[in-house]
Amino acid sequence: MTLIAVASFSGSPGASTAALGIAACWPAGADPLLVEADPSGGDLQAWFGLPDTPGMVGLAAAARRGSSPGLLASHAAHLPGGLQAVPGPAGASQAHAAATQLAGTGYEPVTAASAAGQVIIADCGRLAAGTPVTALLDAADLLLLVTAGDTAALARIHARPGTVADRARQTQLLLSGRPGGYRPAEIRDTLGLDVAGRLPWDPAGAGLLRGVPVHRGWRTRWRPPARLPLLAAAAETAWRVSQAVTPPETTDEAGTGPQDEDARPLPASSARASAAAGPGVPRSPL
């Protein structure tokens, strides 16, 4: 079972881009499924020109008649590069209604697929009291809280105890944007949360993930270039996250990877030298 929830507290720290990047860059050996569960509305339809169906609205309607491990995948769309995703509707009212319906089932289509072995990355949007995605957080193996690294953003994380963000089995931070001046060890000691990674400010990399070519002649079937900082960081983070949710008894001792967040991340080229450990070649959603 691997269910990873990606969310934020406030502002626009890039949770949707982070979820897409982690899913697209998930290590080789598993094909993740991206679920756009944000009750305030999704972005995938607009980013990739997807139709209204398949998606979360159809999934919510089908879930009322029962669920099975294959129901989630049957409502997934294939992004141009092969990544499977269940897109949410762009409208907030439709998205919230679908999320509320699924919450009534305990998000059974998602949890059933996860229990059957599907790796699921769920974009849960902004967390607030009363959010209908609490059932997803309850079932999540890991919650990635995407946040800026500045003092104000980290102060909001510090004030989190007792909030909906504490429902997952474990929670880690994913820093986004420009560096805030705090080392991962300082953040861990102060907030009691490990830092899974840092996604840098990289408009070209973000555009590439969202289907915007970075230069003329870029074909629609591609692998993201390792030189783009966001894609390299997403691959590093995806690998670290995959290790965090791997049961200890099944972890390859040779592939445990760096344990200290202060250590310099493995270069993508070195990490990919082993198929059993380290980030795989990022899979483009285009």
Protein backbone atom coordinates (compact mmCIF):
# COMPACT_ATOMS: atom_id res chain seq x y z
CA MET A 1 0.00 0.00 0.00
CA THR A 2 1.45 3.35 -1.05
CA LEU A 3 -0.71 6.45 -0.75
CA ILE A 4 1.05 9.80 -0.63
CA ALA A 5 -0.96 12.96 0.01
CA VAL A 6 0.46 16.30 -1.15
CA ALA A 7 -1.04 19.45 0.36
CA SER A 8 -0.33 22.92 1.69
CA PHE A 9 -1.64 25.19 4.42
CA SER A 10 -1.97 28.57 2.74
CA GLY A 11 -0.77 30.66 -0.15
CA SER A 12 0.33 29.13 -3.43
CA PRO A 13 3.50 27.16 -2.69
CA GLY A 14 3.06 24.84 -5.69
CA ALA A 15 1.40 21.72 -4.24
CA SER A 16 -0.16 20.76 -7.59
CA THR A 17 3.13 21.14 -9.44
CA ALA A 18 4.88 19.18 -6.69
CA ALA A 19 2.37 16.32 -6.90
CA LEU A 20 2.68 16.20 -10.69
CA GLY A 21 6.48 16.32 -10.52
CA ILE A 22 6.75 13.53 -7.95
CA ALA A 23 4.36 11.32 -9.92
CA ALA A 24 6.17 12.00 -13.21
CA CYS A 25 9.56 11.35 -11.62
CA TRP A 26 8.65 8.31 -9.51
CA PRO A 27 11.46 5.73 -9.50
CA ALA A 28 11.41 2.93 -12.03
CA GLY A 29 9.61 -0.22 -11.00
CA ALA A 30 6.18 1.25 -10.31
CA ASP A 31 3.70 3.22 -12.39
CA PRO A 32 2.11 5.80 -10.10
CA LEU A 33 -1.37 7.19 -10.53
CA LEU A 34 -1.95 10.88 -9.86
CA VAL A 35 -5.28 11.73 -8.21
CA GLU A 36 -6.35 15.38 -8.33
CA ALA A 37 -8.39 15.42 -5.11
CA ASP A 38 -8.20 19.17 -4.45
CA PRO A 39 -11.73 20.18 -3.39
CA SER A 40 -11.14 23.73 -4.60
CA GLY A 41 -10.69 22.61 -8.22
CA GLY A 42 -8.09 20.96 -10.39
CA ASP A 43 -5.49 22.18 -12.88
CA LEU A 44 -4.80 19.16 -15.08
CA GLN A 45 -7.74 19.76 -17.42
CA ALA A 46 -6.53 23.27 -18.20
CA TRP A 47 -2.85 22.37 -18.34
CA PHE A 48 -3.30 19.49 -20.78
CA GLY A 49 -6.59 20.29 -22.51
CA LEU A 50 -8.33 17.23 -21.05
CA PRO A 51 -12.06 16.58 -21.47
CA ASP A 52 -14.45 16.53 -18.53
CA THR A 53 -14.44 12.75 -18.48
CA PRO A 54 -12.86 10.57 -17.27
CA GLY A 55 -12.16 12.19 -13.94
CA MET A 56 -13.13 12.71 -10.31
CA VAL A 57 -16.77 13.57 -11.03
CA GLY A 58 -17.39 10.25 -12.77
CA LEU A 59 -15.41 8.43 -10.08
CA ALA A 60 -17.56 9.94 -7.33
CA ALA A 61 -20.74 8.92 -9.13
CA ALA A 62 -19.49 5.37 -9.70
CA ALA A 63 -18.35 5.01 -6.08
CA ARG A 64 -21.92 5.38 -4.87
CA ARG A 65 -22.69 2.03 -6.54
CA GLY A 66 -19.77 0.26 -4.91
CA SER A 67 -16.03 0.05 -5.34
CA SER A 68 -13.28 -2.29 -6.43
CA PRO A 69 -9.48 -2.06 -6.74
CA GLY A 70 -9.79 -1.32 -10.46
CA LEU A 71 -12.40 1.42 -10.24
CA LEU A 72 -9.89 4.23 -9.76
CA ALA A 73 -7.82 3.32 -12.82
CA SER A 74 -10.96 3.03 -14.94
CA HIS A 75 -11.56 6.75 -14.38
CA ALA A 76 -7.98 7.79 -15.16
CA ALA A 77 -6.83 9.71 -18.20
CA HIS A 78 -3.48 9.10 -19.86
CA LEU A 79 -1.42 12.25 -20.07
CA PRO A 80 0.52 12.51 -23.34
CA GLY A 81 3.68 10.91 -21.93
CA GLY A 82 1.86 7.97 -20.38
CA LEU A 83 1.38 9.11 -16.78
CA GLN A 84 -2.06 8.09 -15.52
CA ALA A 85 -4.09 10.74 -13.72
CA VAL A 86 -7.63 11.15 -12.43
CA PRO A 87 -8.21 14.86 -13.10
CA GLY A 88 -10.44 16.98 -10.94
CA PRO A 89 -12.94 19.43 -12.41
CA ALA A 90 -11.71 23.00 -12.74
CA GLY A 91 -14.77 24.44 -11.01
CA ALA A 92 -14.66 24.64 -7.21
CA SER A 93 -18.33 23.72 -6.74
CA GLN A 94 -18.03 20.54 -8.81
CA ALA A 95 -14.72 19.61 -7.21
CA HIS A 96 -16.05 20.09 -3.69
CA ALA A 97 -19.20 18.09 -4.48
CA ALA A 98 -17.15 15.21 -5.89
CA ALA A 99 -14.80 15.28 -2.90
CA THR A 100 -17.73 15.28 -0.50
CA GLN A 101 -19.31 12.29 -2.24
CA LEU A 102 -16.04 10.37 -2.12
CA ALA A 103 -15.52 11.33 1.51
CA GLY A 104 -18.86 9.65 2.23
CA THR A 105 -17.34 6.38 1.00
CA GLY A 106 -14.10 6.93 2.89
CA TYR A 107 -12.44 7.48 -0.48
CA GLU A 108 -12.83 3.75 -0.98
CA PRO A 109 -11.84 3.75 -4.69
CA VAL A 110 -8.49 5.30 -3.74
CA THR A 111 -7.82 3.19 -0.66
CA ALA A 112 -8.86 -0.02 -2.45
CA ALA A 113 -6.46 0.66 -5.32
CA SER A 114 -3.69 1.52 -2.88
CA ALA A 115 -4.30 -1.65 -0.85
CA ALA A 116 -4.06 -3.65 -4.09
CA GLY A 117 -0.54 -2.30 -4.70
CA GLN A 118 -1.10 0.84 -6.79
CA VAL A 119 1.21 3.76 -5.99
CA ILE A 120 -1.03 6.80 -5.64
CA ILE A 121 -0.01 10.45 -5.42
CA ALA A 122 -3.00 12.52 -4.27
CA ASP A 123 -3.06 16.29 -4.69
CA CYS A 124 -5.22 17.33 -1.72
CA GLY A 125 -4.93 21.08 -2.20
CA ARG A 126 -5.03 23.51 0.68
CA LEU A 127 -5.81 21.99 4.07
CA ALA A 128 -8.41 23.72 6.20
CA ALA A 129 -10.89 22.77 8.89
CA GLY A 130 -13.75 20.77 7.44
CA THR A 131 -11.94 19.77 4.26
CA PRO A 132 -13.53 16.65 2.74
CA VAL A 133 -10.14 15.04 2.07
CA THR A 134 -9.63 14.03 5.72
CA ALA A 135 -10.39 10.39 4.82
CA LEU A 136 -7.49 10.48 2.36
CA LEU A 137 -5.19 11.92 5.01
CA ASP A 138 -6.27 9.22 7.46
CA ALA A 139 -5.29 6.53 4.95
CA ALA A 140 -2.11 8.19 3.67
CA ASP A 141 1.24 6.53 4.30
CA LEU A 142 2.84 9.96 4.06
CA LEU A 143 1.65 13.55 3.93
CA LEU A 144 3.93 15.96 2.13
CA LEU A 145 3.26 19.49 3.32
CA VAL A 146 4.46 21.86 0.61
CA THR A 147 5.60 25.15 2.07
CA ALA A 148 7.85 28.09 1.38
CA GLY A 149 10.98 28.11 3.49
CA ASP A 150 10.60 31.59 4.95
CA THR A 151 9.90 32.41 8.59
CA ALA A 152 6.20 33.23 8.14
CA ALA A 153 5.42 30.01 6.26
CA LEU A 154 7.32 27.85 8.73
CA ALA A 155 5.58 29.59 11.62
CA ARG A 156 2.25 28.38 10.22
CA ILE A 157 3.60 24.85 10.16
CA HIS A 158 4.83 25.29 13.74
CA ALA A 159 1.27 26.16 14.80
CA ARG A 160 -0.14 23.03 13.16
CA PRO A 161 -0.62 20.60 16.16
CA GLY A 162 -4.21 19.49 16.41
CA THR A 163 -5.02 20.47 12.81
CA VAL A 164 -6.10 18.22 9.95
CA ALA A 165 -2.45 17.98 8.87
CA ASP A 166 -1.68 15.63 11.77
CA ARG A 167 -3.98 12.86 10.54
CA ALA A 168 -1.53 11.01 8.27
CA ARG A 169 0.72 8.21 9.53
CA GLN A 170 3.74 10.42 8.98
CA THR A 171 4.28 13.95 7.75
CA GLN A 172 7.27 15.50 6.03
CA LEU A 173 7.90 18.94 4.61
CA LEU A 174 8.60 19.72 0.98
CA LEU A 175 10.13 23.16 0.66
CA SER A 176 9.39 25.11 -2.48
CA GLY A 177 10.61 28.27 -4.11
CA ARG A 178 13.70 30.22 -3.27
CA PRO A 179 15.76 29.16 -0.21
CA GLY A 180 14.51 30.62 3.06
CA GLY A 181 17.81 30.55 4.90
CA TYR A 182 17.07 27.58 7.20
CA ARG A 183 18.89 24.27 7.03
CA PRO A 184 16.83 21.04 7.04
CA ALA A 185 18.31 20.08 10.44
CA GLU A 186 17.22 23.41 11.92
CA ILE A 187 13.71 22.93 10.57
CA ARG A 188 13.57 19.36 11.87
CA ASP A 189 14.75 20.35 15.35
CA THR A 190 12.27 23.22 15.58
CA LEU A 191 9.20 21.72 13.92
CA GLY A 192 9.77 18.03 14.56
CA LEU A 193 9.33 17.24 10.86
CA ASP A 194 11.83 15.86 8.38
CA VAL A 195 12.40 17.67 5.11
CA ALA A 196 11.75 15.39 2.14
CA GLY A 197 13.31 17.78 -0.34
CA ARG A 198 13.37 21.24 -1.81
CA LEU A 199 11.83 22.13 -5.15
CA PRO A 200 13.58 25.23 -6.49
CA TRP A 201 12.11 28.20 -8.28
CA ASP A 202 12.35 27.06 -11.90
CA PRO A 203 9.74 28.49 -14.31
CA ALA A 204 11.13 26.50 -17.25
CA GLY A 205 10.92 23.23 -15.35
CA ALA A 206 7.42 24.01 -14.07
CA GLY A 207 6.30 24.90 -17.58
CA LEU A 208 7.76 21.70 -18.94
CA LEU A 209 5.83 19.64 -16.39
CA ARG A 210 2.64 21.47 -17.32
CA GLY A 211 3.08 20.85 -21.03
CA VAL A 212 4.80 24.07 -22.11
CA PRO A 213 7.78 23.37 -24.41
CA VAL A 214 11.01 25.00 -23.31
CA HIS A 215 12.28 25.67 -26.82
CA ARG A 216 11.20 25.40 -30.43
CA GLY A 217 11.24 21.91 -31.86
CA TRP A 218 10.70 20.22 -28.50
CA ARG A 219 8.68 17.11 -29.30
CA THR A 220 5.62 15.95 -27.41
CA ARG A 221 7.22 12.64 -26.46
CA TRP A 222 10.21 13.38 -24.28
CA ARG A 223 12.08 12.79 -21.07
CA PRO A 224 12.72 15.91 -19.00
CA PRO A 225 16.31 17.11 -19.29
CA ALA A 226 18.31 16.52 -16.12
CA ARG A 227 19.72 20.03 -16.31
CA LEU A 228 16.40 21.61 -15.32
CA PRO A 229 16.63 22.16 -11.54
CA LEU A 230 12.96 21.44 -10.79
CA LEU A 231 12.95 18.10 -12.60
CA ALA A 232 16.22 17.01 -11.01
CA ALA A 233 14.92 17.98 -7.56
CA ALA A 234 11.59 16.24 -8.19
CA ALA A 235 13.42 13.02 -9.07
CA GLU A 236 15.52 13.27 -5.89
CA THR A 237 12.41 13.92 -3.81
CA ALA A 238 10.42 11.11 -5.41
CA TRP A 239 13.19 8.68 -4.60
CA ARG A 240 13.45 9.85 -0.99
CA VAL A 241 9.69 9.63 -0.58
CA SER A 242 9.62 6.13 -2.07
CA GLN A 243 12.20 5.09 0.50
CA ALA A 244 10.21 6.67 3.34
CA VAL A 245 7.12 4.61 2.54
CA THR A 246 8.94 1.33 1.80
CA PRO A 247 8.48 -1.23 4.61
CA PRO A 248 11.85 -1.85 6.31
CA GLU A 249 11.70 -5.59 5.67
CA THR A 250 11.53 -5.04 1.91
CA THR A 251 14.15 -2.29 1.66
CA ASP A 252 17.32 -3.23 -0.16
CA GLU A 253 20.22 -2.52 2.20
CA ALA A 254 22.30 -1.37 -0.74
CA GLY A 255 19.60 1.10 -1.71
CA THR A 256 18.68 2.84 1.51
CA GLY A 257 20.10 6.10 0.23
CA PRO A 258 21.14 9.16 2.24
CA GLN A 259 19.52 9.36 5.66
CA ASP A 260 20.68 12.85 6.66
CA GLU A 261 18.75 15.66 5.03
CA ASP A 262 21.84 17.84 5.42
CA ALA A 263 23.83 15.55 3.19
CA ARG A 264 24.27 16.67 -0.38
CA PRO A 265 21.57 14.95 -2.50
CA LEU A 266 22.75 12.20 -4.78
CA PRO A 267 23.40 13.48 -8.29
CA ALA A 268 20.70 12.18 -10.60
CA SER A 269 23.24 10.48 -12.84
CA SER A 270 24.80 8.59 -9.92
CA ALA A 271 21.47 7.68 -8.38
CA ARG A 272 20.20 6.27 -11.66
CA ALA A 273 23.23 4.02 -11.92
CA SER A 274 21.39 1.52 -9.71
CA ALA A 275 17.96 0.37 -10.80
CA ALA A 276 17.16 -0.70 -7.25
CA ALA A 277 17.88 2.63 -5.62
CA GLY A 278 17.94 6.27 -6.51
CA PRO A 279 15.57 8.27 -8.68
CA GLY A 280 14.59 6.84 -12.01
CA VAL A 281 14.53 8.73 -15.26
CA PRO A 282 11.72 11.26 -14.91
CA ARG A 283 8.66 10.40 -16.94
CA SER A 284 7.18 13.34 -18.74
CA PRO A 285 3.46 13.97 -18.55
CA LEU A 286 3.72 15.20 -22.13
